[in-house]
Protein backbone atom coordinates (compact mmCIF):
# COMPACT_ATOMS: atom_id res chain seq x y z
CA MET A 1 -16.07 43.89 -16.36
CA ASN A 2 -17.51 43.49 -12.08
CA CYS A 3 -16.39 41.76 -9.04
CA GLY A 4 -18.80 38.55 -9.73
CA GLU A 5 -17.35 38.11 -13.13
CA TYR A 6 -14.12 38.44 -12.47
CA LYS A 7 -14.49 35.89 -9.77
CA TYR A 8 -16.28 33.52 -12.02
CA ASN A 9 -13.54 34.00 -14.06
CA GLN A 10 -10.74 33.30 -11.34
CA ILE A 11 -13.09 29.97 -10.74
CA LEU A 12 -12.88 29.12 -14.20
CA GLY A 13 -9.45 29.03 -14.59
CA MET A 14 -8.41 27.41 -11.42
CA TRP A 15 -10.86 24.46 -12.72
CA MET A 16 -9.68 24.20 -16.43
CA ILE A 17 -5.54 24.09 -14.85
CA MET A 18 -6.56 21.48 -12.47
CA ASP A 19 -9.29 19.21 -14.95
CA PRO A 20 -6.42 17.18 -15.80
CA PHE A 21 -5.17 16.47 -12.82
CA PHE A 22 -9.14 15.13 -11.36
CA ARG A 23 -11.01 14.53 -14.90
CA TYR A 24 -10.38 10.88 -15.33
CA ASP A 25 -9.70 9.89 -19.05
CA ASP A 26 -7.52 6.82 -19.39
CA GLN A 27 -6.64 7.92 -23.00
CA LEU A 28 -5.90 11.29 -22.19
CA LEU A 29 -3.30 10.47 -19.11
CA PRO A 30 -3.05 6.56 -19.45
CA PHE A 31 0.10 4.63 -17.34
CA ILE A 32 2.78 3.26 -19.13
CA PHE A 33 4.80 0.52 -17.12
CA TYR A 34 8.14 1.35 -16.60
CA SER A 35 8.28 5.20 -17.76
CA VAL A 36 9.89 8.16 -16.69
CA SER A 37 7.04 8.48 -14.05
CA HIS A 38 7.22 5.09 -13.39
CA TRP A 39 10.49 4.71 -12.11
CA ALA A 40 10.61 8.61 -10.57
CA ALA A 41 7.20 7.04 -8.45
CA LEU A 42 10.06 4.10 -7.33
CA PHE A 43 12.83 6.01 -6.87
CA ILE A 44 10.83 8.43 -4.55
CA ILE A 45 9.61 5.78 -2.30
CA ALA A 46 13.04 3.75 -2.05
CA SER A 47 14.69 7.00 -1.53
CA ALA A 48 12.22 7.67 2.04
CA CYS A 49 12.58 4.18 2.85
CA VAL A 50 16.33 5.03 3.08
CA LEU A 51 15.77 8.05 4.41
CA LEU A 52 13.84 6.63 7.41
CA PHE A 53 16.53 4.18 8.24
CA LEU A 54 19.06 6.59 8.56
CA LEU A 55 17.00 8.82 10.66
CA ARG A 56 15.88 5.97 12.56
CA LYS A 57 17.73 6.93 15.69
CA SER A 58 16.81 10.44 15.95
CA MET A 59 13.07 9.56 15.68
CA LYS A 60 13.00 7.61 18.36
CA GLN A 61 12.63 9.99 20.96
CA GLN A 62 9.47 9.92 22.39
CA LYS A 63 7.62 13.34 21.19
CA LYS A 64 9.29 13.18 17.87
CA ALA A 65 8.15 9.60 17.18
CA ASN A 66 4.49 10.72 18.05
CA LEU A 67 4.82 13.04 15.83
CA TYR A 68 6.19 11.47 12.91
CA ARG A 69 3.69 8.30 13.72
CA TYR A 70 0.61 10.54 13.75
CA GLY A 71 1.95 12.59 10.59
CA LEU A 72 2.15 9.52 8.77
CA ALA A 73 -1.30 8.35 9.98
CA GLY A 74 -2.87 11.74 9.02
CA LEU A 75 -1.08 11.79 5.44
CA LEU A 76 -2.74 7.85 4.58
CA LEU A 77 -5.82 8.97 5.91
CA SER A 78 -5.98 12.17 3.96
CA ILE A 79 -5.10 10.52 0.71
CA ASP A 80 -7.74 7.76 1.35
CA ILE A 81 -10.41 10.12 2.07
CA LEU A 82 -9.16 12.45 -1.38
CA LEU A 83 -9.92 9.26 -3.54
CA ASN A 84 -13.50 8.72 -2.18
CA ILE A 85 -14.22 12.56 -2.91
CA TRP A 86 -12.84 11.61 -5.96
CA TYR A 87 -14.93 8.96 -7.03
CA GLY A 88 -18.25 10.58 -5.57
CA THR A 89 -17.45 13.66 -7.40
CA THR A 90 -16.69 11.67 -10.46
CA GLY A 91 -19.38 9.44 -10.65
CA HIS A 92 -16.89 6.25 -10.15
CA TRP A 93 -17.89 4.99 -6.95
CA ASP A 94 -19.16 1.23 -7.43
CA MET A 95 -19.48 -1.12 -4.88
CA SER A 96 -17.88 -3.75 -7.66
CA HIS A 97 -14.60 -1.89 -7.56
CA THR A 98 -13.97 0.61 -5.04
CA LEU A 99 -14.99 -0.62 -1.44
CA PRO A 100 -11.71 -1.03 0.56
CA LEU A 101 -11.22 -4.85 0.01
CA HIS A 102 -8.35 -5.24 -2.25
CA LEU A 103 -5.43 -6.11 -0.22
CA CYS A 104 -3.78 -3.47 -0.37
CA SER A 105 -6.77 -0.94 0.10
CA LEU A 106 -7.24 -3.09 2.94
CA THR A 107 -3.75 -2.70 4.70
CA LEU A 108 -3.54 0.98 3.94
CA LEU A 109 -6.47 1.25 6.21
CA LEU A 110 -4.91 -1.17 8.78
CA CYS A 111 -1.71 0.78 8.71
CA ILE A 112 -3.46 3.81 9.46
CA ILE A 113 -5.05 2.13 12.66
CA MET A 114 -1.79 0.70 13.50
CA LEU A 115 0.08 4.05 13.12
CA ILE A 116 -2.41 5.14 15.84
CA THR A 117 -2.79 2.43 17.92
CA ARG A 118 0.91 0.99 18.04
CA SER A 119 -0.88 -2.06 17.59
CA TYR A 120 1.34 -5.51 17.31
CA ALA A 121 -1.15 -7.70 15.92
CA LEU A 122 -2.17 -5.11 12.81
CA PHE A 123 1.53 -4.53 12.46
CA GLU A 124 2.71 -8.02 12.01
CA PHE A 125 -0.33 -8.69 9.36
CA ASN A 126 0.58 -5.45 7.80
CA TYR A 127 4.45 -6.15 7.50
CA PHE A 128 4.05 -9.41 5.44
CA ALA A 129 0.34 -8.75 3.61
CA GLY A 130 1.24 -5.02 3.65
CA ILE A 131 4.73 -5.16 2.47
CA GLY A 132 4.25 -8.09 0.16
CA GLY A 133 1.14 -6.77 -1.75
CA ALA A 134 2.24 -3.29 -1.62
CA LEU A 135 5.62 -4.52 -3.81
CA GLN A 136 4.01 -6.27 -6.03
CA ALA A 137 1.57 -3.64 -7.01
CA LEU A 138 4.25 -0.88 -7.16
CA PHE A 139 6.39 -2.94 -9.81
CA THR A 140 3.46 -4.50 -11.55
CA PRO A 141 0.81 -1.46 -11.30
CA ALA A 142 -2.40 -3.66 -11.99
CA ALA A 143 -5.06 -1.34 -10.31
CA ILE A 144 -3.75 2.17 -11.32
CA LEU A 145 -5.88 4.70 -13.06
CA SER A 146 -4.15 7.08 -15.03
CA GLY A 147 -0.85 8.24 -15.30
CA PHE A 148 1.13 11.52 -14.22
CA PRO A 149 -0.13 14.36 -13.05
CA HIS A 150 -3.26 12.28 -12.46
CA PHE A 151 -4.43 12.35 -9.05
CA THR A 152 -5.08 8.97 -8.93
CA TYR A 153 -1.13 8.38 -10.12
CA TYR A 154 -0.41 10.29 -6.81
CA TYR A 155 -3.16 8.42 -4.76
CA PHE A 156 -1.35 5.09 -6.22
CA PHE A 157 1.99 5.82 -5.07
CA ILE A 158 1.96 7.82 -1.90
CA ALA A 159 -1.02 4.92 -0.60
CA HIS A 160 1.39 1.74 -1.79
CA GLY A 161 4.54 3.68 -0.49
CA GLY A 162 2.94 4.45 2.61
CA ILE A 163 2.16 0.95 3.58
CA ILE A 164 5.82 -0.17 3.38
CA VAL A 165 6.88 3.04 5.48
CA SER A 166 4.17 2.63 7.62
CA CYS A 167 5.46 -0.98 8.64
CA LEU A 168 9.47 -0.33 8.11
CA PHE A 169 8.78 3.05 10.43
CA MET A 170 7.48 0.36 13.47
CA VAL A 171 10.27 -1.83 13.04
CA TRP A 172 13.32 1.36 12.69
CA VAL A 173 11.37 2.96 15.43
CA TYR A 174 9.44 1.28 17.86
CA ASN A 175 11.72 -1.97 17.74
CA TYR A 176 8.55 -4.58 16.01
CA ARG A 177 9.67 -7.69 15.03
CA PRO A 178 7.87 -10.37 12.90
CA THR A 179 8.31 -14.08 13.95
CA LEU A 180 7.74 -17.19 11.99
CA LEU A 181 4.07 -17.25 13.86
CA SER A 182 3.43 -13.69 12.36
CA MET A 183 3.95 -15.56 8.89
CA GLY A 184 2.08 -18.13 9.46
CA ARG A 185 -0.94 -16.36 11.43
CA THR A 186 -1.12 -13.73 8.36
CA LEU A 187 -1.52 -16.84 5.51
CA ILE A 188 -4.24 -17.90 7.56
CA TYR A 189 -6.01 -14.79 8.12
CA LEU A 190 -5.89 -13.98 4.28
CA ASN A 191 -7.42 -17.51 3.80
CA LEU A 192 -9.98 -16.71 5.85
CA LEU A 193 -10.47 -12.93 4.27
CA MET A 194 -11.40 -14.77 1.06
CA ILE A 195 -14.31 -16.47 2.47
CA PRO A 196 -16.61 -13.24 2.69
CA ILE A 197 -15.10 -11.35 0.14
CA ALA A 198 -16.00 -14.45 -2.70
CA VAL A 199 -19.29 -13.82 -1.08
CA ILE A 200 -18.92 -9.81 -1.77
CA ASN A 201 -17.83 -10.21 -4.81
CA ILE A 202 -20.59 -12.88 -6.52
CA TYR A 203 -22.94 -9.97 -4.93
CA THR A 204 -21.48 -6.92 -6.49
CA GLY A 205 -19.74 -8.24 -9.89
CA GLY A 206 -16.57 -7.24 -8.53
CA ASN A 207 -12.89 -9.34 -8.44
CA TYR A 208 -11.62 -8.18 -5.31
CA LEU A 209 -8.27 -9.87 -4.03
CA PHE A 210 -8.29 -10.75 -7.73
CA ILE A 211 -9.98 -14.21 -7.08
CA MET A 212 -12.33 -14.31 -9.45
CA ARG A 213 -10.36 -13.71 -12.34
CA LYS A 214 -7.50 -11.76 -13.36
CA PRO A 215 -6.81 -8.63 -13.62
CA SER A 216 -7.34 -6.75 -17.48
CA ASP A 217 -3.19 -4.90 -16.77
CA PRO A 218 -0.20 -7.56 -16.52
CA SER A 219 0.74 -8.33 -13.23
CA LEU A 220 2.54 -11.28 -11.36
CA ILE A 221 -0.76 -13.48 -11.43
CA ASP A 222 -0.38 -13.68 -15.37
CA VAL A 223 2.39 -16.30 -14.99
CA LEU A 224 0.61 -18.16 -12.42
CA GLY A 225 -1.98 -20.38 -14.14
CA PRO A 226 -5.53 -20.58 -15.12
CA TRP A 227 -8.17 -19.73 -12.94
CA PRO A 228 -8.94 -21.13 -10.37
CA TRP A 229 -5.47 -22.65 -9.77
CA TYR A 230 -3.51 -19.09 -9.92
CA ILE A 231 -5.44 -18.68 -6.39
CA LEU A 232 -2.94 -21.74 -5.42
CA SER A 233 -0.44 -20.41 -6.97
CA MET A 234 -0.46 -17.07 -5.46
CA GLU A 235 -0.93 -18.66 -2.03
CA ALA A 236 2.94 -20.00 -2.87
CA ALA A 237 4.14 -17.11 -3.95
CA ALA A 238 2.95 -15.56 -0.79
CA ALA A 239 4.64 -18.04 1.10
CA VAL A 240 7.59 -17.44 -0.47
CA VAL A 241 7.38 -13.38 -0.29
CA PHE A 242 6.56 -13.42 3.31
CA PHE A 243 9.51 -15.67 3.82
CA ILE A 244 11.92 -13.57 2.15
CA LEU A 245 10.73 -10.45 4.10
CA TYR A 246 11.48 -12.52 7.45
CA VAL A 247 15.19 -13.31 6.60
CA PRO A 248 16.65 -10.26 7.58
CA PHE A 249 15.16 -10.99 10.95
CA LEU A 250 16.25 -14.43 10.93
CA PHE A 251 19.63 -13.60 10.43
CA HIS A 252 19.23 -10.75 12.89
CA LYS A 253 18.23 -13.14 15.60
CA ARG A 254 20.77 -15.32 14.65
CA LYS A 255 23.16 -12.81 15.24
CA SER A 256 21.97 -11.84 18.44
CA ALA A 257 21.85 -15.50 19.92
CA ALA A 258 25.71 -15.78 18.63
CA ARG A 259 26.74 -12.52 20.48
CA ARG A 260 25.05 -13.89 23.73
CA LEU A 261 26.94 -17.01 23.81
CA ASP A 262 30.15 -15.34 22.93
CA GLY A 263 29.17 -12.83 25.99
CA SER A 264 28.94 -15.91 28.19
CA ALA A 265 31.91 -17.52 27.44
CA ASN A 266 33.64 -14.42 28.00
């Protein structure tokens, strides 16, 4: 065997090993809701959030905070670039479903910019729309393409988990706090966002933000009524979820106010 044949066989062997990781076949590697791989991903994301909370004080030092902030932004940017490379190389890129116009795809990009720029305006949108959308996606993964150990499985959970971790990082390390006005602004922005995305859906035949029809896989939308009325139900559900996400800060605000009153009384 000459050197050229040896290298060819090496490359062929590596491709055969990696082929199931990248080749799309939802019958070969179907995603099964609440399987071991689903629970494992949820456990890892939850553990990452707990670890971030426990280490929050040690991360506040400026050099460390910058290192983790840019590192997290780099991870999210890399995984998003890899997804688009995968779309292109496997022939799955299509304007009707691969543009970053679903809520989580959009907030993933906004989280990257938020981490790099430390933008509070992006934080308040990402905190409500990003975490709210990511939680729903993680528990009912309607947009996941394949199961473990396919690349899109890793992308789905790293991206959605990364949205949550990014927002909590800004809360626990940089002391960012959303407000009731933040919640109201996010709801307004989402409604305004639906207008151009509806036009893009009509033009491309897509279903971005799931406003043209329900997703084919089971999701929370299934219990919100028929089209188009489920869109109004989604708005009400979003308002409830956003308020639940705000509750910890409401209690913290009241607790801080009570401490100030106690201090002034003394």
